[in-house]
């Protein structure tokens, strides 16, 4: 089903088929529990507290919490190779992330105005984590800071290739982000990830769900759609 509604994505209509992950009305297709995730028409920064949202009642936007945090939102369906388009909005200082297969994170963060960006900033492919050394490793910073101000809607267009496995179950190719476009600007091309990033859940596999991090502050999403084709 082709997604509908206001979108930041321009250009010609894509040839591939798109599946809408959030229908704008309810959380059909998402796993329980959903915590405090709720549907609204819109969000804006709370005038008395820019670290929180004021909401407009209605339909079209999924919000984890106006002023706090909750559980992650996880799709029922699982995906391998895919292309995801999504719009997101963060409150001031807020933090989220989009996990492909529930394991490989593209960071969502209020990084507006930063002169230099790293592996923890918006658009980054998040670092991995070593439990023994208690240190992060790998991770890829975005080429540039494409972030808008908190409270403004932003967009990602992400092409992802799942890891590959041989008949014996051994991995033959790492997962790869073919391209990450943040607010119309290419911030990554052909970046391999050797394993799940920090916070990733489960062993590597050919498929997994889309997971939206909801436990790091207020974040809203809309116009989530996915294609099983990674073609541009």
Protein backbone atom coordinates (compact mmCIF):
# COMPACT_ATOMS: atom_id res chain seq x y z
CA UNK A 1 0.00 0.00 0.00
CA UNK A 2 1.39 3.39 -0.99
CA UNK A 3 1.69 5.85 1.89
CA UNK A 4 -0.39 9.03 1.78
CA UNK A 5 -0.27 12.43 3.47
CA UNK A 6 1.94 15.51 3.71
CA UNK A 7 5.55 14.63 3.01
CA UNK A 8 8.93 16.33 2.83
CA UNK A 9 10.02 14.02 0.03
CA UNK A 10 10.04 15.55 -3.44
CA UNK A 11 10.94 14.35 -6.92
CA UNK A 12 9.38 11.84 -9.27
CA UNK A 13 7.15 9.03 -8.09
CA UNK A 14 9.27 6.00 -7.21
CA UNK A 15 8.97 2.89 -9.37
CA UNK A 16 9.16 0.45 -6.45
CA UNK A 17 6.19 -0.52 -4.32
CA UNK A 18 5.96 1.04 -0.88
CA UNK A 19 4.34 -0.35 2.25
CA UNK A 20 3.03 2.09 4.83
CA UNK A 21 4.33 1.20 8.30
CA UNK A 22 2.16 3.71 10.21
CA UNK A 23 -1.31 4.37 8.84
CA UNK A 24 -1.76 7.61 10.77
CA UNK A 25 -4.77 6.29 12.72
CA UNK A 26 -3.64 3.47 15.03
CA UNK A 27 -0.84 1.02 15.73
CA UNK A 28 -1.97 -1.89 13.62
CA UNK A 29 1.22 -3.61 12.44
CA UNK A 30 3.15 -2.67 15.60
CA UNK A 31 3.95 -5.00 18.49
CA UNK A 32 2.54 -4.66 21.97
CA UNK A 33 3.30 -3.22 24.44
CA UNK A 34 3.25 0.31 22.98
CA UNK A 35 3.61 2.08 26.31
CA UNK A 36 2.56 5.72 25.99
CA UNK A 37 2.92 5.94 22.19
CA UNK A 38 -0.17 7.77 20.91
CA UNK A 39 -1.60 9.22 17.69
CA UNK A 40 -1.92 12.99 17.23
CA UNK A 41 -2.42 15.40 14.35
CA UNK A 42 0.72 17.38 15.06
CA UNK A 43 3.39 18.42 17.53
CA UNK A 44 5.21 21.66 18.31
CA UNK A 45 7.66 22.74 20.97
CA UNK A 46 5.98 23.53 24.26
CA UNK A 47 6.34 27.33 24.70
CA UNK A 48 7.00 26.93 28.43
CA UNK A 49 9.43 24.02 28.02
CA UNK A 50 11.18 23.44 24.65
CA UNK A 51 12.34 20.04 25.88
CA UNK A 52 8.71 18.93 25.63
CA UNK A 53 5.99 18.95 22.99
CA UNK A 54 2.58 20.53 22.80
CA UNK A 55 0.20 18.34 20.79
CA UNK A 56 -2.67 18.96 18.40
CA UNK A 57 -5.29 16.26 18.67
CA UNK A 58 -6.18 14.29 15.57
CA UNK A 59 -4.43 11.80 13.30
CA UNK A 60 -1.26 11.52 11.28
CA UNK A 61 1.63 11.54 13.79
CA UNK A 62 2.91 8.92 16.23
CA UNK A 63 4.43 10.36 19.42
CA UNK A 64 6.13 8.44 22.20
CA UNK A 65 5.35 11.05 24.89
CA UNK A 66 4.85 14.82 25.00
CA UNK A 67 7.39 15.28 27.81
CA UNK A 68 8.97 11.97 28.75
CA UNK A 69 9.95 8.58 27.37
CA UNK A 70 8.54 5.09 26.97
CA UNK A 71 9.19 1.74 25.29
CA UNK A 72 10.52 1.34 21.76
CA UNK A 73 8.01 0.89 18.92
CA UNK A 74 8.65 -2.30 16.92
CA UNK A 75 6.99 -3.45 13.69
CA UNK A 76 5.33 -6.84 13.47
CA UNK A 77 6.68 -7.44 9.97
CA UNK A 78 10.37 -8.15 9.51
CA UNK A 79 12.55 -6.99 6.63
CA UNK A 80 15.82 -7.79 4.90
CA UNK A 81 17.10 -5.50 2.16
CA UNK A 82 14.95 -2.38 2.20
CA UNK A 83 14.61 1.33 1.62
CA UNK A 84 12.94 3.37 4.35
CA UNK A 85 11.55 6.88 4.12
CA UNK A 86 10.47 8.59 7.32
CA UNK A 87 9.91 12.01 8.82
CA UNK A 88 10.74 12.77 12.44
CA UNK A 89 10.62 15.63 14.92
CA UNK A 90 12.58 15.94 18.16
CA UNK A 91 12.17 18.26 21.12
CA UNK A 92 15.17 20.30 22.26
CA UNK A 93 17.94 17.97 23.44
CA UNK A 94 15.92 14.86 22.66
CA UNK A 95 17.29 11.57 21.38
CA UNK A 96 15.92 8.61 19.44
CA UNK A 97 17.06 6.20 16.75
CA UNK A 98 15.86 4.04 13.88
CA UNK A 99 17.04 0.44 14.10
CA UNK A 100 17.07 -1.64 10.94
CA UNK A 101 16.31 -5.28 11.74
CA UNK A 102 16.16 -4.06 15.34
CA UNK A 103 19.97 -4.12 15.32
CA UNK A 104 21.62 -1.37 13.27
CA UNK A 105 20.91 2.20 14.33
CA UNK A 106 20.76 5.44 12.43
CA UNK A 107 20.82 8.08 15.13
CA UNK A 108 18.04 10.62 15.69
CA UNK A 109 19.12 13.51 17.89
CA UNK A 110 18.82 17.24 18.35
CA UNK A 111 22.17 18.11 16.73
CA UNK A 112 21.11 21.50 15.39
CA UNK A 113 23.90 24.06 15.08
CA UNK A 114 26.84 21.78 15.94
CA UNK A 115 29.95 22.72 13.96
CA UNK A 116 31.36 19.19 14.16
CA UNK A 117 29.33 15.99 14.32
CA UNK A 118 30.34 12.53 15.50
CA UNK A 119 29.02 9.00 15.88
CA UNK A 120 26.41 10.11 18.46
CA UNK A 121 24.89 12.88 16.34
CA UNK A 122 21.83 12.94 14.11
CA UNK A 123 22.34 10.95 10.93
CA UNK A 124 25.24 8.94 12.35
CA UNK A 125 25.46 5.19 12.00
CA UNK A 126 25.79 4.55 15.69
CA UNK A 127 28.85 2.98 17.29
CA UNK A 128 29.11 -0.62 18.42
CA UNK A 129 29.86 -1.48 22.06
CA UNK A 130 32.41 -3.69 23.82
CA UNK A 131 31.04 -4.98 27.14
CA UNK A 132 34.50 -5.94 28.38
CA UNK A 133 36.23 -2.61 27.78
CA UNK A 134 33.04 -0.59 28.31
CA UNK A 135 33.94 1.44 25.26
CA UNK A 136 32.34 2.16 21.91
CA UNK A 137 34.02 1.27 18.64
CA UNK A 138 33.39 1.67 14.93
CA UNK A 139 30.40 3.86 14.11
CA UNK A 140 30.38 6.40 11.29
CA UNK A 141 29.72 10.11 11.68
CA UNK A 142 27.63 11.85 9.01
CA UNK A 143 29.57 13.73 6.33
CA UNK A 144 27.91 16.95 7.43
CA UNK A 145 25.38 18.31 9.86
CA UNK A 146 22.05 18.45 8.03
CA UNK A 147 19.96 18.88 11.19
CA UNK A 148 17.13 21.37 11.46
CA UNK A 149 16.08 23.16 14.63
CA UNK A 150 14.23 21.15 17.29
CA UNK A 151 10.50 21.23 16.67
CA UNK A 152 10.92 21.19 12.88
CA UNK A 153 10.09 18.13 10.81
CA UNK A 154 13.08 16.39 9.25
CA UNK A 155 13.47 13.48 6.83
CA UNK A 156 15.55 10.37 6.27
CA UNK A 157 15.72 8.32 3.08
CA UNK A 158 17.77 5.21 3.91
CA UNK A 159 18.78 2.26 1.72
CA UNK A 160 19.88 -0.77 3.73
CA UNK A 161 21.29 -4.16 2.71
CA UNK A 162 20.91 -7.01 5.20
CA UNK A 163 23.80 -9.32 6.15
CA UNK A 164 24.13 -12.47 4.08
CA UNK A 165 24.69 -16.04 5.30
CA UNK A 166 25.89 -19.23 3.69
CA UNK A 167 24.22 -22.69 3.85
CA UNK A 168 26.19 -23.41 7.03
CA UNK A 169 24.74 -20.34 8.71
CA UNK A 170 28.02 -18.45 8.75
CA UNK A 171 27.93 -14.82 7.72
CA UNK A 172 29.30 -14.17 4.25
CA UNK A 173 28.67 -10.41 4.02
CA UNK A 174 28.14 -7.63 6.54
CA UNK A 175 25.08 -5.45 6.70
CA UNK A 176 25.53 -2.21 4.76
CA UNK A 177 23.93 1.20 4.54
CA UNK A 178 24.07 1.91 0.82
CA UNK A 179 22.92 5.49 1.29
CA UNK A 180 21.55 7.71 4.02
CA UNK A 181 19.96 11.00 2.94
CA UNK A 182 19.17 13.47 5.73
CA UNK A 183 16.96 16.42 4.79
CA UNK A 184 17.90 15.97 1.14
CA UNK A 185 21.65 15.75 1.74
CA UNK A 186 23.68 12.55 1.35
CA UNK A 187 25.43 11.87 4.66
CA UNK A 188 26.54 8.24 4.08
CA UNK A 189 27.31 5.95 1.16
CA UNK A 190 28.35 2.28 1.26
CA UNK A 191 29.01 2.00 4.99
CA UNK A 192 29.37 -1.56 6.33
CA UNK A 193 28.48 -2.50 9.89
CA UNK A 194 30.31 -5.56 11.20
CA UNK A 195 27.65 -6.34 13.79
CA UNK A 196 24.75 -4.85 15.76
CA UNK A 197 25.28 -1.29 16.95
CA UNK A 198 24.96 -0.41 20.64
CA UNK A 199 21.40 -1.06 21.76
CA UNK A 200 20.79 -3.52 18.93
CA UNK A 201 18.71 -6.54 19.92
CA UNK A 202 19.18 -10.16 18.89
CA UNK A 203 21.68 -12.10 16.83
CA UNK A 204 22.32 -11.07 13.23
CA UNK A 205 19.88 -12.61 10.78
CA UNK A 206 18.52 -12.17 7.26
CA UNK A 207 15.46 -10.30 8.54
CA UNK A 208 14.31 -8.23 11.47
CA UNK A 209 11.83 -5.50 12.44
CA UNK A 210 12.06 -1.74 12.19
CA UNK A 211 12.46 -0.38 15.73
CA UNK A 212 11.92 3.24 16.75
CA UNK A 213 13.68 4.15 19.98
CA UNK A 214 11.25 5.67 22.44
CA UNK A 215 13.17 5.59 25.72
CA UNK A 216 15.40 8.69 25.35
CA UNK A 217 12.98 11.63 25.32
CA UNK A 218 10.14 13.08 23.24
CA UNK A 219 10.14 12.14 19.55
CA UNK A 220 7.46 12.07 16.86
CA UNK A 221 7.33 10.19 13.55
CA UNK A 222 5.10 10.34 10.48
CA UNK A 223 5.01 9.20 6.84
CA UNK A 224 6.88 5.95 7.50
CA UNK A 225 7.04 3.81 4.39
CA UNK A 226 9.28 0.97 3.31
CA UNK A 227 10.17 -0.76 0.07
CA UNK A 228 11.83 -4.14 -0.33
CA UNK A 229 13.77 -2.66 -3.23
CA UNK A 230 16.83 -0.54 -2.40
CA UNK A 231 16.88 1.05 -5.87
CA UNK A 232 17.19 4.86 -5.81
